[in-house]
Amino acid sequence: SGIEPIGTVIMGTVKGDLHDIGKNLCIMMLRGAGFTVIDLGVDTSPEEFIEAVEDNEAGVLGMSALLTT
């Protein structure tokens, strides 16, 4: 489309969590706002987050987790 992205965001659901609805909603909104988003999926280890941020020079990291009470 010729439009420069605002920045790069890494998103994923933390290790041990398989819930991804909230993550997917955030990704849709970020992409709509002009960000490049790299989705690491669910059950993502800390090492995978670090590697993705370093490899893609991302300025933003989003980590999703479901909290229960």
PDB file of N, CA and C in Angstrom:
ATOM      1  N   SER A   1       0.817  -1.198   0.000  1.00  0.00           N
ATOM      2  CA  SER A   1       0.000   0.000   0.000  1.00  0.00           C
ATOM      3  C   SER A   1       0.858   1.258   0.000  1.00  0.00           C
ATOM      4  N   GLY A   2       2.164   1.133   0.209  1.00  0.00           N
ATOM      5  CA  GLY A   2       3.042   2.292   0.158  1.00  0.00           C
ATOM      6  C   GLY A   2       3.093   3.105   1.436  1.00  0.00           C
ATOM      7  N   ILE A   3       2.362   2.709   2.449  1.00  0.00           N
ATOM      8  CA  ILE A   3       2.342   3.442   3.715  1.00  0.00           C
ATOM      9  C   ILE A   3       3.358   2.817   4.662  1.00  0.00           C
ATOM     10  N   GLU A   4       4.223   3.669   5.228  1.00  0.00           N
ATOM     11  CA  GLU A   4       5.215   3.180   6.185  1.00  0.00           C
ATOM     12  C   GLU A   4       4.535   2.788   7.488  1.00  0.00           C
ATOM     13  N   PRO A   5       4.883   1.624   8.048  1.00  0.00           N
ATOM     14  CA  PRO A   5       4.302   1.233   9.339  1.00  0.00           C
ATOM     15  C   PRO A   5       4.778   2.164  10.451  1.00  0.00           C
ATOM     16  N   ILE A   6       3.953   2.327  11.473  1.00  0.00           N
ATOM     17  CA  ILE A   6       4.285   3.167  12.621  1.00  0.00           C
ATOM     18  C   ILE A   6       5.449   2.562  13.394  1.00  0.00           C
ATOM     19  N   GLY A   7       5.459   1.258  13.513  1.00  0.00           N
ATOM     20  CA  GLY A   7       6.484   0.544  14.261  1.00  0.00           C
ATOM     21  C   GLY A   7       6.164  -0.931  14.262  1.00  0.00           C
ATOM     22  N   THR A   8       7.017  -1.686  14.941  1.00  0.00           N
ATOM     23  CA  THR A   8       6.844  -3.135  15.007  1.00  0.00           C
ATOM     24  C   THR A   8       6.486  -3.551  16.419  1.00  0.00           C
ATOM     25  N   VAL A   9       5.482  -4.419  16.523  1.00  0.00           N
ATOM     26  CA  VAL A   9       5.014  -4.936  17.806  1.00  0.00           C
ATOM     27  C   VAL A   9       5.136  -6.456  17.788  1.00  0.00           C
ATOM     28  N   ILE A  10       5.680  -7.006  18.857  1.00  0.00           N
ATOM     29  CA  ILE A  10       5.711  -8.455  19.054  1.00  0.00           C
ATOM     30  C   ILE A  10       4.595  -8.793  20.025  1.00  0.00           C
ATOM     31  N   MET A  11       3.749  -9.750  19.672  1.00  0.00           N
ATOM     32  CA  MET A  11       2.646 -10.162  20.547  1.00  0.00           C
ATOM     33  C   MET A  11       2.663 -11.675  20.719  1.00  0.00           C
ATOM     34  N   GLY A  12       2.311 -12.118  21.924  1.00  0.00           N
ATOM     35  CA  GLY A  12       2.195 -13.545  22.178  1.00  0.00           C
ATOM     36  C   GLY A  12       1.511 -13.798  23.505  1.00  0.00           C
ATOM     37  N   THR A  13       1.038 -15.006  23.679  1.00  0.00           N
ATOM     38  CA  THR A  13       0.446 -15.437  24.942  1.00  0.00           C
ATOM     39  C   THR A  13       1.524 -16.178  25.724  1.00  0.00           C
ATOM     40  N   VAL A  14       1.652 -15.851  27.005  1.00  0.00           N
ATOM     41  CA  VAL A  14       2.755 -16.362  27.817  1.00  0.00           C
ATOM     42  C   VAL A  14       2.716 -17.876  27.975  1.00  0.00           C
ATOM     43  N   LYS A  15       3.875 -18.425  28.311  1.00  0.00           N
ATOM     44  CA  LYS A  15       4.040 -19.869  28.524  1.00  0.00           C
ATOM     45  C   LYS A  15       3.007 -20.383  29.518  1.00  0.00           C
ATOM     46  N   GLY A  16       2.343 -21.471  29.173  1.00  0.00           N
ATOM     47  CA  GLY A  16       1.345 -22.077  30.038  1.00  0.00           C
ATOM     48  C   GLY A  16      -0.068 -21.576  29.813  1.00  0.00           C
ATOM     49  N   ASP A  17      -0.233 -20.588  28.926  1.00  0.00           N
ATOM     50  CA  ASP A  17      -1.563 -20.026  28.669  1.00  0.00           C
ATOM     51  C   ASP A  17      -1.927 -20.243  27.206  1.00  0.00           C
ATOM     52  N   LEU A  18      -3.103 -20.804  26.964  1.00  0.00           N
ATOM     53  CA  LEU A  18      -3.549 -21.085  25.602  1.00  0.00           C
ATOM     54  C   LEU A  18      -4.694 -20.184  25.159  1.00  0.00           C
ATOM     55  N   HIS A  19      -5.062 -19.196  25.974  1.00  0.00           N
ATOM     56  CA  HIS A  19      -6.167 -18.293  25.648  1.00  0.00           C
ATOM     57  C   HIS A  19      -5.650 -17.175  24.745  1.00  0.00           C
ATOM     58  N   ASP A  20      -6.256 -17.015  23.583  1.00  0.00           N
ATOM     59  CA  ASP A  20      -5.717 -16.029  22.644  1.00  0.00           C
ATOM     60  C   ASP A  20      -6.723 -15.027  22.089  1.00  0.00           C
ATOM     61  N   ILE A  21      -7.937 -15.024  22.591  1.00  0.00           N
ATOM     62  CA  ILE A  21      -8.938 -14.097  22.045  1.00  0.00           C
ATOM     63  C   ILE A  21      -8.518 -12.646  22.268  1.00  0.00           C
ATOM     64  N   GLY A  22      -8.107 -12.306  23.481  1.00  0.00           N
ATOM     65  CA  GLY A  22      -7.675 -10.935  23.776  1.00  0.00           C
ATOM     66  C   GLY A  22      -6.472 -10.524  22.951  1.00  0.00           C
ATOM     67  N   LYS A  23      -5.511 -11.424  22.827  1.00  0.00           N
ATOM     68  CA  LYS A  23      -4.320 -11.158  22.010  1.00  0.00           C
ATOM     69  C   LYS A  23      -4.717 -10.892  20.568  1.00  0.00           C
ATOM     70  N   ASN A  24      -5.593 -11.714  20.042  1.00  0.00           N
ATOM     71  CA  ASN A  24      -6.012 -11.556  18.648  1.00  0.00           C
ATOM     72  C   ASN A  24      -6.754 -10.243  18.422  1.00  0.00           C
ATOM     73  N   LEU A  25      -7.566  -9.825  19.382  1.00  0.00           N
ATOM     74  CA  LEU A  25      -8.260  -8.537  19.264  1.00  0.00           C
ATOM     75  C   LEU A  25      -7.270  -7.379  19.257  1.00  0.00           C
ATOM     76  N   CYS A  26      -6.280  -7.438  20.146  1.00  0.00           N
ATOM     77  CA  CYS A  26      -5.255  -6.388  20.183  1.00  0.00           C
ATOM     78  C   CYS A  26      -4.479  -6.331  18.872  1.00  0.00           C
ATOM     79  N   ILE A  27      -4.150  -7.487  18.338  1.00  0.00           N
ATOM     80  CA  ILE A  27      -3.414  -7.533  17.073  1.00  0.00           C
ATOM     81  C   ILE A  27      -4.222  -6.880  15.956  1.00  0.00           C
ATOM     82  N   MET A  28      -5.507  -7.172  15.885  1.00  0.00           N
ATOM     83  CA  MET A  28      -6.351  -6.568  14.847  1.00  0.00           C
ATOM     84  C   MET A  28      -6.363  -5.049  14.966  1.00  0.00           C
ATOM     85  N   MET A  29      -6.482  -4.543  16.197  1.00  0.00           N
ATOM     86  CA  MET A  29      -6.518  -3.091  16.400  1.00  0.00           C
ATOM     87  C   MET A  29      -5.176  -2.444  16.070  1.00  0.00           C
ATOM     88  N   LEU A  30      -4.085  -3.079  16.471  1.00  0.00           N
ATOM     89  CA  LEU A  30      -2.761  -2.527  16.182  1.00  0.00           C
ATOM     90  C   LEU A  30      -2.489  -2.494  14.685  1.00  0.00           C
ATOM     91  N   ARG A  31      -2.832  -3.555  13.999  1.00  0.00           N
ATOM     92  CA  ARG A  31      -2.639  -3.573  12.544  1.00  0.00           C
ATOM     93  C   ARG A  31      -3.497  -2.506  11.868  1.00  0.00           C
ATOM     94  N   GLY A  32      -4.724  -2.353  12.344  1.00  0.00           N
ATOM     95  CA  GLY A  32      -5.604  -1.330  11.799  1.00  0.00           C
ATOM     96  C   GLY A  32      -5.079   0.075  12.020  1.00  0.00           C
ATOM     97  N   ALA A  33      -4.306   0.260  13.095  1.00  0.00           N
ATOM     98  CA  ALA A  33      -3.736   1.568  13.412  1.00  0.00           C
ATOM     99  C   ALA A  33      -2.425   1.823  12.672  1.00  0.00           C
ATOM    100  N   GLY A  34      -1.920   0.812  11.962  1.00  0.00           N
ATOM    101  CA  GLY A  34      -0.736   1.018  11.147  1.00  0.00           C
ATOM    102  C   GLY A  34       0.547   0.377  11.641  1.00  0.00           C
ATOM    103  N   PHE A  35       0.460  -0.471  12.644  1.00  0.00           N
ATOM    104  CA  PHE A  35       1.641  -1.168  13.149  1.00  0.00           C
ATOM    105  C   PHE A  35       1.863  -2.473  12.388  1.00  0.00           C
ATOM    106  N   THR A  36       3.113  -2.868  12.287  1.00  0.00           N
ATOM    107  CA  THR A  36       3.458  -4.219  11.861  1.00  0.00           C
ATOM    108  C   THR A  36       3.433  -5.076  13.112  1.00  0.00           C
ATOM    109  N   VAL A  37       2.673  -6.163  13.104  1.00  0.00           N
ATOM    110  CA  VAL A  37       2.557  -7.016  14.286  1.00  0.00           C
ATOM    111  C   VAL A  37       3.038  -8.420  13.947  1.00  0.00           C
ATOM    112  N   ILE A  38       3.933  -8.922  14.781  1.00  0.00           N
ATOM    113  CA  ILE A  38       4.418 -10.290  14.652  1.00  0.00           C
ATOM    114  C   ILE A  38       3.781 -11.097  15.770  1.00  0.00           C
ATOM    115  N   ASP A  39       2.964 -12.069  15.395  1.00  0.00           N
ATOM    116  CA  ASP A  39       2.206 -12.884  16.347  1.00  0.00           C
ATOM    117  C   ASP A  39       2.968 -14.174  16.636  1.00  0.00           C
ATOM    118  N   LEU A  40       3.399 -14.329  17.888  1.00  0.00           N
ATOM    119  CA  LEU A  40       4.129 -15.532  18.289  1.00  0.00           C
ATOM    120  C   LEU A  40       3.202 -16.664  18.703  1.00  0.00           C
ATOM    121  N   GLY A  41       1.909 -16.406  18.739  1.00  0.00           N
ATOM    122  CA  GLY A  41       0.947 -17.450  19.077  1.00  0.00           C
ATOM    123  C   GLY A  41       0.771 -17.624  20.573  1.00  0.00           C
ATOM    124  N   VAL A  42       0.429 -18.843  20.975  1.00  0.00           N
ATOM    125  CA  VAL A  42       0.144 -19.144  22.381  1.00  0.00           C
ATOM    126  C   VAL A  42       1.282 -19.959  22.990  1.00  0.00           C
ATOM    127  N   ASP A  43       1.298 -19.998  24.329  1.00  0.00           N
ATOM    128  CA  ASP A  43       2.266 -20.823  25.065  1.00  0.00           C
ATOM    129  C   ASP A  43       3.703 -20.446  24.693  1.00  0.00           C
ATOM    130  N   THR A  44       3.977 -19.142  24.658  1.00  0.00           N
ATOM    131  CA  THR A  44       5.263 -18.617  24.209  1.00  0.00           C
ATOM    132  C   THR A  44       6.234 -18.481  25.380  1.00  0.00           C
ATOM    133  N   SER A  45       7.413 -19.034  25.231  1.00  0.00           N
ATOM    134  CA  SER A  45       8.416 -18.985  26.298  1.00  0.00           C
ATOM    135  C   SER A  45       9.067 -17.602  26.367  1.00  0.00           C
ATOM    136  N   PRO A  46       9.631 -17.250  27.522  1.00  0.00           N
ATOM    137  CA  PRO A  46      10.348 -15.971  27.637  1.00  0.00           C
ATOM    138  C   PRO A  46      11.463 -15.844  26.597  1.00  0.00           C
ATOM    139  N   GLU A  47      12.152 -16.929  26.340  1.00  0.00           N
ATOM    140  CA  GLU A  47      13.240 -16.907  25.362  1.00  0.00           C
ATOM    141  C   GLU A  47      12.738 -16.579  23.956  1.00  0.00           C
ATOM    142  N   GLU A  48      11.557 -17.091  23.609  1.00  0.00           N
ATOM    143  CA  GLU A  48      10.981 -16.795  22.289  1.00  0.00           C
ATOM    144  C   GLU A  48      10.626 -15.316  22.166  1.00  0.00           C
ATOM    145  N   PHE A  49      10.094 -14.728  23.243  1.00  0.00           N
ATOM    146  CA  PHE A  49       9.797 -13.290  23.228  1.00  0.00           C
ATOM    147  C   PHE A  49      11.082 -12.487  23.018  1.00  0.00           C
ATOM    148  N   ILE A  50      12.117 -12.794  23.789  1.00  0.00           N
ATOM    149  CA  ILE A  50      13.380 -12.060  23.701  1.00  0.00           C
ATOM    150  C   ILE A  50      13.976 -12.166  22.304  1.00  0.00           C
ATOM    151  N   GLU A  51      14.011 -13.375  21.764  1.00  0.00           N
ATOM    152  CA  GLU A  51      14.570 -13.584  20.429  1.00  0.00           C
ATOM    153  C   GLU A  51      13.801 -12.791  19.372  1.00  0.00           C
ATOM    154  N   ALA A  52      12.479 -12.796  19.460  1.00  0.00           N
ATOM    155  CA  ALA A  52      11.661 -12.085  18.471  1.00  0.00           C
ATOM    156  C   ALA A  52      11.884 -10.578  18.542  1.00  0.00           C
ATOM    157  N   VAL A  53      11.975 -10.031  19.753  1.00  0.00           N
ATOM    158  CA  VAL A  53      12.214  -8.591  19.909  1.00  0.00           C
ATOM    159  C   VAL A  53      13.570  -8.224  19.317  1.00  0.00           C
ATOM    160  N   GLU A  54      14.590  -8.999  19.630  1.00  0.00           N
ATOM    161  CA  GLU A  54      15.935  -8.715  19.123  1.00  0.00           C
ATOM    162  C   GLU A  54      16.016  -8.882  17.609  1.00  0.00           C
ATOM    163  N   ASP A  55      15.452  -9.950  17.081  1.00  0.00           N
ATOM    164  CA  ASP A  55      15.535 -10.226  15.642  1.00  0.00           C
ATOM    165  C   ASP A  55      14.786  -9.205  14.800  1.00  0.00           C
ATOM    166  N   ASN A  56      13.711  -8.638  15.348  1.00  0.00           N
ATOM    167  CA  ASN A  56      12.861  -7.728  14.578  1.00  0.00           C
ATOM    168  C   ASN A  56      12.997  -6.275  14.995  1.00  0.00           C
ATOM    169  N   GLU A  57      13.894  -5.995  15.945  1.00  0.00           N
ATOM    170  CA  GLU A  57      14.105  -4.635  16.450  1.00  0.00           C
ATOM    171  C   GLU A  57      12.774  -3.974  16.803  1.00  0.00           C
ATOM    172  N   ALA A  58      11.927  -4.725  17.494  1.00  0.00           N
ATOM    173  CA  ALA A  58      10.592  -4.243  17.852  1.00  0.00           C
ATOM    174  C   ALA A  58      10.672  -3.209  18.967  1.00  0.00           C
ATOM    175  N   GLY A  59       9.841  -2.180  18.858  1.00  0.00           N
ATOM    176  CA  GLY A  59       9.779  -1.148  19.883  1.00  0.00           C
ATOM    177  C   GLY A  59       8.749  -1.439  20.954  1.00  0.00           C
ATOM    178  N   VAL A  60       7.864  -2.405  20.688  1.00  0.00           N
ATOM    179  CA  VAL A  60       6.788  -2.721  21.629  1.00  0.00           C
ATOM    180  C   VAL A  60       6.680  -4.238  21.765  1.00  0.00           C
ATOM    181  N   LEU A  61       6.482  -4.685  23.011  1.00  0.00           N
ATOM    182  CA  LEU A  61       6.259  -6.104  23.292  1.00  0.00           C
ATOM    183  C   LEU A  61       4.942  -6.246  24.032  1.00  0.00           C
ATOM    184  N   GLY A  62       4.044  -7.074  23.509  1.00  0.00           N
ATOM    185  CA  GLY A  62       2.769  -7.350  24.169  1.00  0.00           C
ATOM    186  C   GLY A  62       2.717  -8.804  24.598  1.00  0.00           C
ATOM    187  N   MET A  63       2.459  -9.013  25.894  1.00  0.00           N
ATOM    188  CA  MET A  63       2.387 -10.371  26.442  1.00  0.00           C
ATOM    189  C   MET A  63       1.007 -10.556  27.054  1.00  0.00           C
ATOM    190  N   SER A  64       0.275 -11.542  26.568  1.00  0.00           N
ATOM    191  CA  SER A  64      -1.098 -11.767  26.995  1.00  0.00           C
ATOM    192  C   SER A  64      -1.172 -12.935  27.971  1.00  0.00           C
ATOM    193  N   ALA A  65      -2.040 -12.773  28.989  1.00  0.00           N
ATOM    194  CA  ALA A  65      -2.278 -13.849  29.953  1.00  0.00           C
ATOM    195  C   ALA A  65      -3.689 -13.713  30.496  1.00  0.00           C
ATOM    196  N   LEU A  66      -4.354 -14.834  30.700  1.00  0.00           N
ATOM    197  CA  LEU A  66      -5.681 -14.841  31.298  1.00  0.00           C
ATOM    198  C   LEU A  66      -5.519 -14.936  32.806  1.00  0.00           C
ATOM    199  N   LEU A  67      -6.147 -14.022  33.527  1.00  0.00           N
ATOM    200  CA  LEU A  67      -6.103 -14.041  34.987  1.00  0.00           C
ATOM    201  C   LEU A  67      -7.412 -14.595  35.515  1.00  0.00           C
ATOM    202  N   THR A  68      -7.324 -15.517  36.438  1.00  0.00           N
ATOM    203  CA  THR A  68      -8.528 -16.051  37.067  1.00  0.00           C
ATOM    204  C   THR A  68      -8.513 -15.693  38.542  1.00  0.00           C
ATOM    205  N   THR A  69      -9.704 -15.604  39.129  1.00  0.00           N
ATOM    206  CA  THR A  69      -9.776 -15.252  40.555  1.00  0.00           C
ATOM    207  C   THR A  69     -10.301 -16.417  41.354  1.00  0.00           C
TER     208      THR A  69
END
